[in-house]
Amino acid sequence: MAFNLLPALPLDGGRLLCGLLSLRIRPQRALTIGVWLGRLLGGGLLLIALIGAIRGQFNLTLALAGGYLILSGHREMRQADGAALRSLIDRQRELASERALPLEWLAASRDATVRDVILKLRPRRAHMVAVFDGHMDLVGWASERALLAALLDDGGRPVGELVGELPATPPAPPGSAPHAAPA
């Protein structure tokens, strides 16, 4: 039972660690740390099992636990990506049910891939992405809906391809009155 409290994913201690780390760093980074700790622990268990086998005292439980920890990291990452995608797909339903979501702006280079930008999106928030060229000049905006459509089509596509001509004014936040462009 104490084994399950070790701070390595997919163990409960790893989930606790990721939750605590997510308060200070991005959830995706916290997950990566938890997965690597799980792989390190798994490698350590396999090493102990191998040393035991060399000494004539092979422990199958250590070997199986080590293999499980190493192999389950990939599954944890896939599940997290799936959760982020589900959250993005469900955003319209979330907005309808909550009536309001915080709006968060992200800045992305024109060459950033759609996949890279989507990994920066956070749950329970609506997002707009300001797209800049190499000189930090604004070239346009991309909405979550455009990002999702592009991800389903080809996640490796540059986000700069999603923006059209730059409107005179940025899109107004939901619920606000449109404003005129400065003359």
C-alpha atoms as a PDB file:
ATOM      1  CA  MET A   1       0.000   0.000   0.000  1.00  0.00           C
ATOM      2  CA  ALA A   2       2.830   2.455   0.767  1.00  0.00           C
ATOM      3  CA  PHE A   3       4.228   1.681  -2.714  1.00  0.00           C
ATOM      4  CA  ASN A   4       1.185   3.378  -4.253  1.00  0.00           C
ATOM      5  CA  LEU A   5       2.081   6.622  -2.460  1.00  0.00           C
ATOM      6  CA  LEU A   6       5.456   6.980  -4.200  1.00  0.00           C
ATOM      7  CA  PRO A   7       5.545  10.236  -6.217  1.00  0.00           C
ATOM      8  CA  ALA A   8       5.594   8.651  -9.673  1.00  0.00           C
ATOM      9  CA  LEU A   9       2.851   8.227 -12.265  1.00  0.00           C
ATOM     10  CA  PRO A  10       0.626   6.237 -12.602  1.00  0.00           C
ATOM     11  CA  LEU A  11       0.670   5.714  -8.827  1.00  0.00           C
ATOM     12  CA  ASP A  12      -1.585   7.790  -6.555  1.00  0.00           C
ATOM     13  CA  GLY A  13       1.446   9.580  -5.135  1.00  0.00           C
ATOM     14  CA  GLY A  14       2.331  10.628  -8.692  1.00  0.00           C
ATOM     15  CA  ARG A  15      -1.157  12.009  -9.252  1.00  0.00           C
ATOM     16  CA  LEU A  16      -0.869  13.970  -6.019  1.00  0.00           C
ATOM     17  CA  LEU A  17       2.549  15.292  -7.088  1.00  0.00           C
ATOM     18  CA  CYS A  18       1.200  16.347 -10.495  1.00  0.00           C
ATOM     19  CA  GLY A  19      -1.723  18.120  -8.863  1.00  0.00           C
ATOM     20  CA  LEU A  20       0.595  20.050  -6.563  1.00  0.00           C
ATOM     21  CA  LEU A  21       3.045  20.867  -9.365  1.00  0.00           C
ATOM     22  CA  SER A  22       0.154  22.089 -11.542  1.00  0.00           C
ATOM     23  CA  LEU A  23      -0.395  24.898  -9.066  1.00  0.00           C
ATOM     24  CA  ARG A  24       3.015  26.327 -10.029  1.00  0.00           C
ATOM     25  CA  ILE A  25       3.680  25.080 -13.574  1.00  0.00           C
ATOM     26  CA  ARG A  26       1.601  24.121 -16.614  1.00  0.00           C
ATOM     27  CA  PRO A  27      -0.313  20.844 -16.157  1.00  0.00           C
ATOM     28  CA  GLN A  28       1.355  19.300 -19.232  1.00  0.00           C
ATOM     29  CA  ARG A  29       4.817  19.949 -17.745  1.00  0.00           C
ATOM     30  CA  ALA A  30       3.717  18.543 -14.368  1.00  0.00           C
ATOM     31  CA  LEU A  31       2.469  15.421 -16.128  1.00  0.00           C
ATOM     32  CA  THR A  32       5.775  15.022 -17.967  1.00  0.00           C
ATOM     33  CA  ILE A  33       7.669  15.246 -14.672  1.00  0.00           C
ATOM     34  CA  GLY A  34       5.368  12.651 -13.086  1.00  0.00           C
ATOM     35  CA  VAL A  35       5.787  10.282 -16.046  1.00  0.00           C
ATOM     36  CA  TRP A  36       9.585  10.588 -15.976  1.00  0.00           C
ATOM     37  CA  LEU A  37       9.636   9.953 -12.235  1.00  0.00           C
ATOM     38  CA  GLY A  38       7.553   6.835 -12.897  1.00  0.00           C
ATOM     39  CA  ARG A  39       9.994   5.696 -15.568  1.00  0.00           C
ATOM     40  CA  LEU A  40      12.952   6.321 -13.252  1.00  0.00           C
ATOM     41  CA  LEU A  41      11.293   4.356 -10.454  1.00  0.00           C
ATOM     42  CA  GLY A  42      10.420   1.585 -12.902  1.00  0.00           C
ATOM     43  CA  GLY A  43      13.996   1.473 -14.162  1.00  0.00           C
ATOM     44  CA  GLY A  44      15.240   1.310 -10.570  1.00  0.00           C
ATOM     45  CA  LEU A  45      12.918  -1.597  -9.804  1.00  0.00           C
ATOM     46  CA  LEU A  46      14.053  -3.440 -12.930  1.00  0.00           C
ATOM     47  CA  LEU A  47      17.678  -2.845 -11.939  1.00  0.00           C
ATOM     48  CA  ILE A  48      17.046  -4.245  -8.459  1.00  0.00           C
ATOM     49  CA  ALA A  49      15.272  -7.257 -10.012  1.00  0.00           C
ATOM     50  CA  LEU A  50      18.224  -7.791 -12.375  1.00  0.00           C
ATOM     51  CA  ILE A  51      20.764  -7.567  -9.544  1.00  0.00           C
ATOM     52  CA  GLY A  52      18.628 -10.032  -7.579  1.00  0.00           C
ATOM     53  CA  ALA A  53      18.539 -12.387 -10.563  1.00  0.00           C
ATOM     54  CA  ILE A  54      22.329 -12.222 -10.894  1.00  0.00           C
ATOM     55  CA  ARG A  55      22.609 -13.148  -7.209  1.00  0.00           C
ATOM     56  CA  GLY A  56      20.154 -15.993  -7.647  1.00  0.00           C
ATOM     57  CA  GLN A  57      17.223 -14.246  -5.905  1.00  0.00           C
ATOM     58  CA  PHE A  58      15.006 -13.089  -8.784  1.00  0.00           C
ATOM     59  CA  ASN A  59      11.932 -11.145  -7.676  1.00  0.00           C
ATOM     60  CA  LEU A  60       9.193 -11.331 -10.311  1.00  0.00           C
ATOM     61  CA  THR A  61       7.056  -8.743  -8.497  1.00  0.00           C
ATOM     62  CA  LEU A  62       9.795  -6.097  -8.751  1.00  0.00           C
ATOM     63  CA  ALA A  63      10.360  -6.882 -12.421  1.00  0.00           C
ATOM     64  CA  LEU A  64       6.643  -6.684 -13.274  1.00  0.00           C
ATOM     65  CA  ALA A  65       6.127  -3.496 -11.242  1.00  0.00           C
ATOM     66  CA  GLY A  66       9.148  -1.884 -12.920  1.00  0.00           C
ATOM     67  CA  GLY A  67       7.946  -2.834 -16.395  1.00  0.00           C
ATOM     68  CA  TYR A  68       4.459  -1.562 -15.619  1.00  0.00           C
ATOM     69  CA  LEU A  69       5.749   1.823 -14.429  1.00  0.00           C
ATOM     70  CA  ILE A  70       7.917   2.256 -17.513  1.00  0.00           C
ATOM     71  CA  LEU A  71       5.252   1.233 -20.015  1.00  0.00           C
ATOM     72  CA  SER A  72       2.346   3.097 -18.427  1.00  0.00           C
ATOM     73  CA  GLY A  73       3.951   6.527 -18.940  1.00  0.00           C
ATOM     74  CA  HIS A  74       3.014   6.549 -22.620  1.00  0.00           C
ATOM     75  CA  ARG A  75      -0.591   5.744 -21.732  1.00  0.00           C
ATOM     76  CA  GLU A  76      -0.674   8.587 -19.166  1.00  0.00           C
ATOM     77  CA  MET A  77       0.526  11.079 -21.773  1.00  0.00           C
ATOM     78  CA  ARG A  78      -2.035   9.872 -24.342  1.00  0.00           C
ATOM     79  CA  GLN A  79      -4.857  10.070 -21.810  1.00  0.00           C
ATOM     80  CA  ALA A  80      -3.849  13.620 -20.856  1.00  0.00           C
ATOM     81  CA  ASP A  81      -3.765  14.671 -24.520  1.00  0.00           C
ATOM     82  CA  GLY A  82      -7.181  13.076 -24.959  1.00  0.00           C
ATOM     83  CA  ALA A  83      -8.544  14.943 -21.934  1.00  0.00           C
ATOM     84  CA  ALA A  84      -7.254  18.243 -23.323  1.00  0.00           C
ATOM     85  CA  LEU A  85      -8.843  17.509 -26.694  1.00  0.00           C
ATOM     86  CA  ARG A  86     -12.146  16.501 -25.063  1.00  0.00           C
ATOM     87  CA  SER A  87     -12.089  19.735 -23.076  1.00  0.00           C
ATOM     88  CA  LEU A  88     -11.514  21.717 -26.259  1.00  0.00           C
ATOM     89  CA  ILE A  89     -14.334  19.895 -28.056  1.00  0.00           C
ATOM     90  CA  ASP A  90     -16.680  20.362 -25.079  1.00  0.00           C
ATOM     91  CA  ARG A  91     -15.893  24.082 -24.716  1.00  0.00           C
ATOM     92  CA  GLN A  92     -19.122  25.116 -26.475  1.00  0.00           C
ATOM     93  CA  ARG A  93     -21.147  22.958 -24.069  1.00  0.00           C
ATOM     94  CA  GLU A  94     -19.135  24.347 -21.123  1.00  0.00           C
ATOM     95  CA  LEU A  95     -19.902  27.903 -22.203  1.00  0.00           C
ATOM     96  CA  ALA A  96     -23.598  27.128 -22.584  1.00  0.00           C
ATOM     97  CA  SER A  97     -23.748  25.531 -19.142  1.00  0.00           C
ATOM     98  CA  GLU A  98     -21.522  28.009 -17.272  1.00  0.00           C
ATOM     99  CA  ARG A  99     -22.797  31.084 -19.174  1.00  0.00           C
ATOM    100  CA  ALA A 100     -19.316  32.608 -18.920  1.00  0.00           C
ATOM    101  CA  LEU A 101     -15.737  31.394 -19.076  1.00  0.00           C
ATOM    102  CA  PRO A 102     -12.562  33.362 -18.475  1.00  0.00           C
ATOM    103  CA  LEU A 103     -10.946  34.499 -21.729  1.00  0.00           C
ATOM    104  CA  GLU A 104      -7.227  33.957 -22.099  1.00  0.00           C
ATOM    105  CA  TRP A 105      -5.054  35.327 -24.898  1.00  0.00           C
ATOM    106  CA  LEU A 106      -2.021  33.439 -26.147  1.00  0.00           C
ATOM    107  CA  ALA A 107       0.744  34.733 -28.389  1.00  0.00           C
ATOM    108  CA  ALA A 108       2.145  32.353 -30.999  1.00  0.00           C
ATOM    109  CA  SER A 109       4.706  32.676 -33.739  1.00  0.00           C
ATOM    110  CA  ARG A 110       3.452  32.211 -37.268  1.00  0.00           C
ATOM    111  CA  ASP A 111       5.541  29.022 -37.527  1.00  0.00           C
ATOM    112  CA  ALA A 112       4.230  27.352 -34.344  1.00  0.00           C
ATOM    113  CA  THR A 113       2.285  24.201 -35.106  1.00  0.00           C
ATOM    114  CA  VAL A 114      -1.377  23.902 -34.259  1.00  0.00           C
ATOM    115  CA  ARG A 115      -0.462  21.003 -31.949  1.00  0.00           C
ATOM    116  CA  ASP A 116       2.057  23.196 -30.069  1.00  0.00           C
ATOM    117  CA  VAL A 117      -0.529  25.927 -29.541  1.00  0.00           C
ATOM    118  CA  ILE A 118      -3.274  23.526 -28.437  1.00  0.00           C
ATOM    119  CA  LEU A 119      -0.972  22.105 -25.773  1.00  0.00           C
ATOM    120  CA  LYS A 120      -0.865  25.608 -24.219  1.00  0.00           C
ATOM    121  CA  LEU A 121      -4.650  25.852 -23.886  1.00  0.00           C
ATOM    122  CA  ARG A 122      -6.058  25.425 -20.409  1.00  0.00           C
ATOM    123  CA  PRO A 123      -9.310  23.802 -19.373  1.00  0.00           C
ATOM    124  CA  ARG A 124     -12.366  25.833 -18.375  1.00  0.00           C
ATOM    125  CA  ARG A 125     -11.178  28.904 -20.286  1.00  0.00           C
ATOM    126  CA  ALA A 126     -11.926  30.284 -23.726  1.00  0.00           C
ATOM    127  CA  HIS A 127      -8.857  31.221 -25.770  1.00  0.00           C
ATOM    128  CA  MET A 128      -7.882  33.545 -28.576  1.00  0.00           C
ATOM    129  CA  VAL A 129      -4.460  33.251 -30.179  1.00  0.00           C
ATOM    130  CA  ALA A 130      -2.620  36.317 -31.450  1.00  0.00           C
ATOM    131  CA  VAL A 131      -0.248  35.263 -34.230  1.00  0.00           C
ATOM    132  CA  PHE A 132       2.989  37.201 -34.737  1.00  0.00           C
ATOM    133  CA  ASP A 133       5.664  37.136 -37.429  1.00  0.00           C
ATOM    134  CA  GLY A 134       9.412  36.981 -36.778  1.00  0.00           C
ATOM    135  CA  HIS A 135       9.556  40.752 -36.162  1.00  0.00           C
ATOM    136  CA  MET A 136       6.817  40.611 -33.494  1.00  0.00           C
ATOM    137  CA  ASP A 137       4.314  42.248 -35.842  1.00  0.00           C
ATOM    138  CA  LEU A 138       0.766  41.001 -35.378  1.00  0.00           C
ATOM    139  CA  VAL A 139      -0.433  39.109 -38.449  1.00  0.00           C
ATOM    140  CA  GLY A 140      -3.828  37.924 -37.209  1.00  0.00           C
ATOM    141  CA  TRP A 141      -5.906  35.933 -34.747  1.00  0.00           C
ATOM    142  CA  ALA A 142      -6.950  32.319 -34.502  1.00  0.00           C
ATOM    143  CA  SER A 143      -9.913  31.052 -32.518  1.00  0.00           C
ATOM    144  CA  GLU A 144     -10.216  27.762 -30.650  1.00  0.00           C
ATOM    145  CA  ARG A 145     -12.660  26.568 -33.285  1.00  0.00           C
ATOM    146  CA  ALA A 146     -10.108  27.196 -36.069  1.00  0.00           C
ATOM    147  CA  LEU A 147      -7.412  25.439 -34.019  1.00  0.00           C
ATOM    148  CA  LEU A 148      -9.616  22.396 -33.425  1.00  0.00           C
ATOM    149  CA  ALA A 149     -10.578  22.119 -37.100  1.00  0.00           C
ATOM    150  CA  ALA A 150      -6.907  22.367 -38.093  1.00  0.00           C
ATOM    151  CA  LEU A 151      -5.888  19.801 -35.457  1.00  0.00           C
ATOM    152  CA  LEU A 152      -8.391  17.294 -36.771  1.00  0.00           C
ATOM    153  CA  ASP A 153      -7.147  17.975 -40.307  1.00  0.00           C
ATOM    154  CA  ASP A 154      -3.368  18.169 -39.693  1.00  0.00           C
ATOM    155  CA  GLY A 155      -1.965  19.086 -36.266  1.00  0.00           C
ATOM    156  CA  GLY A 156       1.464  19.787 -37.752  1.00  0.00           C
ATOM    157  CA  ARG A 157       0.155  22.695 -39.800  1.00  0.00           C
ATOM    158  CA  PRO A 158       1.612  26.142 -38.903  1.00  0.00           C
ATOM    159  CA  VAL A 159      -0.846  28.302 -36.968  1.00  0.00           C
ATOM    160  CA  GLY A 160       0.019  31.209 -39.286  1.00  0.00           C
ATOM    161  CA  GLU A 161      -1.969  29.463 -42.043  1.00  0.00           C
ATOM    162  CA  LEU A 162      -5.133  29.787 -39.950  1.00  0.00           C
ATOM    163  CA  VAL A 163      -5.252  33.566 -39.952  1.00  0.00           C
ATOM    164  CA  GLY A 164      -6.859  35.571 -42.701  1.00  0.00           C
ATOM    165  CA  GLU A 165      -6.466  39.238 -43.378  1.00  0.00           C
ATOM    166  CA  LEU A 166      -5.934  41.253 -40.236  1.00  0.00           C
ATOM    167  CA  PRO A 167      -9.107  43.124 -39.281  1.00  0.00           C
ATOM    168  CA  ALA A 168      -8.835  46.803 -38.352  1.00  0.00           C
ATOM    169  CA  THR A 169      -9.583  46.000 -34.713  1.00  0.00           C
ATOM    170  CA  PRO A 170      -9.111  42.904 -32.608  1.00  0.00           C
ATOM    171  CA  PRO A 171     -12.176  40.758 -32.024  1.00  0.00           C
ATOM    172  CA  ALA A 172     -14.286  42.122 -29.189  1.00  0.00           C
ATOM    173  CA  PRO A 173     -14.473  39.962 -26.067  1.00  0.00           C
ATOM    174  CA  PRO A 174     -17.773  38.054 -25.873  1.00  0.00           C
ATOM    175  CA  GLY A 175     -20.603  40.197 -24.570  1.00  0.00           C
ATOM    176  CA  SER A 176     -18.872  43.531 -25.117  1.00  0.00           C
ATOM    177  CA  ALA A 177     -19.999  46.240 -27.499  1.00  0.00           C
ATOM    178  CA  PRO A 178     -17.959  46.486 -30.696  1.00  0.00           C
ATOM    179  CA  HIS A 179     -15.627  49.467 -30.855  1.00  0.00           C
ATOM    180  CA  ALA A 180     -14.567  51.574 -33.781  1.00  0.00           C
ATOM    181  CA  ALA A 181     -11.055  51.516 -35.165  1.00  0.00           C
ATOM    182  CA  PRO A 182      -8.946  54.586 -34.425  1.00  0.00           C
ATOM    183  CA  ALA A 183      -8.839  57.015 -37.349  1.00  0.00           C
END
